[in-house]
Amino acid sequence: QVQLVESGGGLVQTGGSLRLSCAASGPGFGSFAMGWFRQAPGGERTEVAKIFDDGSTTYDDPVQGRFTITGDNAKNAVYLQMNSLKPEDTAVYYCYQYIPYYGRAYWGKGTLVTVSS
């Protein structure tokens, strides 16, 4: 059973920074990608960033240049450094890991990020 646990959320002022962490446990069997989605109150869950096993990354336009995703294959973990935070970044952030062997993605329970104006 694959389990993901996020940490690092909290309350920060506009312009501040936070670093989210996500640790995956259980049989990885060749993770293809890990990443982050977020869901604001009343909004849809949207992808923020992801990192593939080859180290390549993608970002959603609103966070490009402000957020950085990194991964640690040895620790089976992924991180999201968030800088220059804005109130519109307020959301629950969910970590996921896609494992082709199982043909599905696994999700964490989320961590709340609140950016005050």
C-alpha atoms as a PDB file:
ATOM      1  CA  GLN A   1       0.000   0.000   0.000  1.00  0.00           C
ATOM      2  CA  VAL A   2       1.446   3.350  -1.054  1.00  0.00           C
ATOM      3  CA  GLN A   3       0.941   6.188   1.388  1.00  0.00           C
ATOM      4  CA  LEU A   4       1.837   9.856   1.017  1.00  0.00           C
ATOM      5  CA  VAL A   5       2.095  12.349   3.845  1.00  0.00           C
ATOM      6  CA  GLU A   6       2.387  16.092   3.289  1.00  0.00           C
ATOM      7  CA  SER A   7       3.803  18.621   5.705  1.00  0.00           C
ATOM      8  CA  GLY A   8       4.878  22.234   5.774  1.00  0.00           C
ATOM      9  CA  GLY A   9       1.620  24.082   5.297  1.00  0.00           C
ATOM     10  CA  GLY A  10       0.625  27.007   7.446  1.00  0.00           C
ATOM     11  CA  LEU A  11      -0.194  30.696   7.590  1.00  0.00           C
ATOM     12  CA  VAL A  12       2.071  33.196   5.880  1.00  0.00           C
ATOM     13  CA  GLN A  13       1.805  36.827   4.837  1.00  0.00           C
ATOM     14  CA  THR A  14       1.722  38.007   1.260  1.00  0.00           C
ATOM     15  CA  GLY A  15       5.211  37.881  -0.199  1.00  0.00           C
ATOM     16  CA  GLY A  16       6.351  35.190   2.208  1.00  0.00           C
ATOM     17  CA  SER A  17       7.626  31.685   1.569  1.00  0.00           C
ATOM     18  CA  LEU A  18       6.758  28.151   2.549  1.00  0.00           C
ATOM     19  CA  ARG A  19       8.261  24.779   1.742  1.00  0.00           C
ATOM     20  CA  LEU A  20       5.978  21.796   1.423  1.00  0.00           C
ATOM     21  CA  SER A  21       7.270  18.269   1.796  1.00  0.00           C
ATOM     22  CA  CYS A  22       5.738  14.972   0.769  1.00  0.00           C
ATOM     23  CA  ALA A  23       7.071  11.607   1.806  1.00  0.00           C
ATOM     24  CA  ALA A  24       5.890   8.446   0.087  1.00  0.00           C
ATOM     25  CA  SER A  25       6.079   5.051   1.718  1.00  0.00           C
ATOM     26  CA  GLY A  26       5.369   1.586   0.472  1.00  0.00           C
ATOM     27  CA  PRO A  27       6.484  -0.226  -2.656  1.00  0.00           C
ATOM     28  CA  GLY A  28       7.333   2.345  -5.283  1.00  0.00           C
ATOM     29  CA  PHE A  29       7.894  -0.030  -8.178  1.00  0.00           C
ATOM     30  CA  GLY A  30       9.197   2.725 -10.371  1.00  0.00           C
ATOM     31  CA  SER A  31       7.470   5.975  -9.717  1.00  0.00           C
ATOM     32  CA  PHE A  32       6.892   7.837 -12.973  1.00  0.00           C
ATOM     33  CA  ALA A  33       6.015  11.224 -11.575  1.00  0.00           C
ATOM     34  CA  MET A  34       5.276  13.056  -8.351  1.00  0.00           C
ATOM     35  CA  GLY A  35       3.651  16.402  -7.993  1.00  0.00           C
ATOM     36  CA  TRP A  36       1.284  18.795  -6.320  1.00  0.00           C
ATOM     37  CA  PHE A  37      -2.278  19.812  -6.901  1.00  0.00           C
ATOM     38  CA  ARG A  38      -4.168  22.464  -4.983  1.00  0.00           C
ATOM     39  CA  GLN A  39      -7.787  23.179  -4.273  1.00  0.00           C
ATOM     40  CA  ALA A  40      -9.001  26.558  -3.118  1.00  0.00           C
ATOM     41  CA  PRO A  41     -12.266  26.896  -1.158  1.00  0.00           C
ATOM     42  CA  GLY A  42     -15.121  26.364  -3.592  1.00  0.00           C
ATOM     43  CA  GLY A  43     -12.726  25.710  -6.439  1.00  0.00           C
ATOM     44  CA  GLU A  44     -11.561  22.770  -8.503  1.00  0.00           C
ATOM     45  CA  ARG A  45      -8.423  20.776  -7.840  1.00  0.00           C
ATOM     46  CA  THR A  46      -5.746  21.988 -10.255  1.00  0.00           C
ATOM     47  CA  GLU A  47      -2.234  20.824 -10.881  1.00  0.00           C
ATOM     48  CA  VAL A  48       0.488  23.128  -9.583  1.00  0.00           C
ATOM     49  CA  ALA A  49       3.707  21.344 -10.493  1.00  0.00           C
ATOM     50  CA  LYS A  50       5.099  17.927 -11.189  1.00  0.00           C
ATOM     51  CA  ILE A  51       8.456  16.273 -11.549  1.00  0.00           C
ATOM     52  CA  PHE A  52       9.170  13.192 -13.627  1.00  0.00           C
ATOM     53  CA  ASP A  53      11.630  10.447 -12.792  1.00  0.00           C
ATOM     54  CA  ASP A  54      14.088  11.940 -15.266  1.00  0.00           C
ATOM     55  CA  GLY A  55      14.080  15.196 -13.317  1.00  0.00           C
ATOM     56  CA  SER A  56      12.097  17.233 -15.801  1.00  0.00           C
ATOM     57  CA  THR A  57       9.437  19.525 -14.369  1.00  0.00           C
ATOM     58  CA  THR A  58       6.293  21.329 -15.372  1.00  0.00           C
ATOM     59  CA  TYR A  59       4.470  24.210 -13.705  1.00  0.00           C
ATOM     60  CA  ASP A  60       1.075  25.772 -13.928  1.00  0.00           C
ATOM     61  CA  ASP A  61       1.286  29.299 -15.343  1.00  0.00           C
ATOM     62  CA  PRO A  62       0.177  31.141 -12.152  1.00  0.00           C
ATOM     63  CA  VAL A  63       3.095  29.715 -10.158  1.00  0.00           C
ATOM     64  CA  GLN A  64       5.792  29.752 -12.847  1.00  0.00           C
ATOM     65  CA  GLY A  65       8.846  31.573 -11.548  1.00  0.00           C
ATOM     66  CA  ARG A  66       7.625  31.575  -7.943  1.00  0.00           C
ATOM     67  CA  PHE A  67       7.378  27.877  -7.092  1.00  0.00           C
ATOM     68  CA  THR A  68      10.063  25.232  -7.460  1.00  0.00           C
ATOM     69  CA  ILE A  69       9.484  21.494  -7.303  1.00  0.00           C
ATOM     70  CA  THR A  70      12.296  19.128  -6.432  1.00  0.00           C
ATOM     71  CA  GLY A  71      12.487  15.428  -5.764  1.00  0.00           C
ATOM     72  CA  ASP A  72      14.631  13.021  -3.809  1.00  0.00           C
ATOM     73  CA  ASN A  73      14.482   9.566  -5.353  1.00  0.00           C
ATOM     74  CA  ALA A  74      16.453   7.998  -2.512  1.00  0.00           C
ATOM     75  CA  LYS A  75      13.912   9.250   0.014  1.00  0.00           C
ATOM     76  CA  ASN A  76      10.931   8.808  -2.303  1.00  0.00           C
ATOM     77  CA  ALA A  77       9.981  12.384  -1.526  1.00  0.00           C
ATOM     78  CA  VAL A  78       8.988  15.557  -3.313  1.00  0.00           C
ATOM     79  CA  TYR A  79       9.169  19.170  -2.191  1.00  0.00           C
ATOM     80  CA  LEU A  80       7.554  22.408  -3.244  1.00  0.00           C
ATOM     81  CA  GLN A  81       9.341  25.643  -2.472  1.00  0.00           C
ATOM     82  CA  MET A  82       6.823  28.464  -2.684  1.00  0.00           C
ATOM     83  CA  ASN A  83       8.092  32.044  -2.809  1.00  0.00           C
ATOM     84  CA  SER A  84       6.391  35.392  -3.293  1.00  0.00           C
ATOM     85  CA  LEU A  85       3.144  33.931  -2.058  1.00  0.00           C
ATOM     86  CA  LYS A  86      -0.115  35.651  -2.893  1.00  0.00           C
ATOM     87  CA  PRO A  87      -3.559  35.427  -1.290  1.00  0.00           C
ATOM     88  CA  GLU A  88      -4.763  33.533  -4.364  1.00  0.00           C
ATOM     89  CA  ASP A  89      -2.295  30.768  -3.492  1.00  0.00           C
ATOM     90  CA  THR A  90      -4.461  29.958  -0.478  1.00  0.00           C
ATOM     91  CA  ALA A  91      -5.590  26.360  -0.865  1.00  0.00           C
ATOM     92  CA  VAL A  92      -5.220  22.829   0.354  1.00  0.00           C
ATOM     93  CA  TYR A  93      -2.172  21.375  -1.360  1.00  0.00           C
ATOM     94  CA  TYR A  94      -2.198  17.683  -2.232  1.00  0.00           C
ATOM     95  CA  CYS A  95       0.774  15.566  -3.113  1.00  0.00           C
ATOM     96  CA  TYR A  96       0.485  12.670  -5.550  1.00  0.00           C
ATOM     97  CA  GLN A  97       2.633   9.920  -6.947  1.00  0.00           C
ATOM     98  CA  TYR A  98       1.871   8.136 -10.206  1.00  0.00           C
ATOM     99  CA  ILE A  99       3.126   4.572 -10.412  1.00  0.00           C
ATOM    100  CA  PRO A 100       2.691   2.887 -13.815  1.00  0.00           C
ATOM    101  CA  TYR A 101       3.082  -0.583 -12.275  1.00  0.00           C
ATOM    102  CA  TYR A 102      -0.217  -0.044 -10.467  1.00  0.00           C
ATOM    103  CA  GLY A 103      -1.728   2.064 -13.229  1.00  0.00           C
ATOM    104  CA  ARG A 104      -2.871   4.795 -10.904  1.00  0.00           C
ATOM    105  CA  ALA A 105      -1.921   7.775  -8.814  1.00  0.00           C
ATOM    106  CA  TYR A 106      -1.827   7.830  -5.044  1.00  0.00           C
ATOM    107  CA  TRP A 107      -2.725  10.903  -3.015  1.00  0.00           C
ATOM    108  CA  GLY A 108      -1.917  12.443   0.312  1.00  0.00           C
ATOM    109  CA  LYS A 109      -4.573  13.948   2.552  1.00  0.00           C
ATOM    110  CA  GLY A 110      -3.444  17.499   1.917  1.00  0.00           C
ATOM    111  CA  THR A 111      -1.904  20.373   3.809  1.00  0.00           C
ATOM    112  CA  LEU A 112      -3.483  23.810   4.141  1.00  0.00           C
ATOM    113  CA  VAL A 113      -1.650  26.901   2.974  1.00  0.00           C
ATOM    114  CA  THR A 114      -3.155  30.242   3.913  1.00  0.00           C
ATOM    115  CA  VAL A 115      -1.714  33.502   2.604  1.00  0.00           C
ATOM    116  CA  SER A 116      -2.956  36.602   4.364  1.00  0.00           C
ATOM    117  CA  SER A 117      -3.147  39.964   2.642  1.00  0.00           C
END
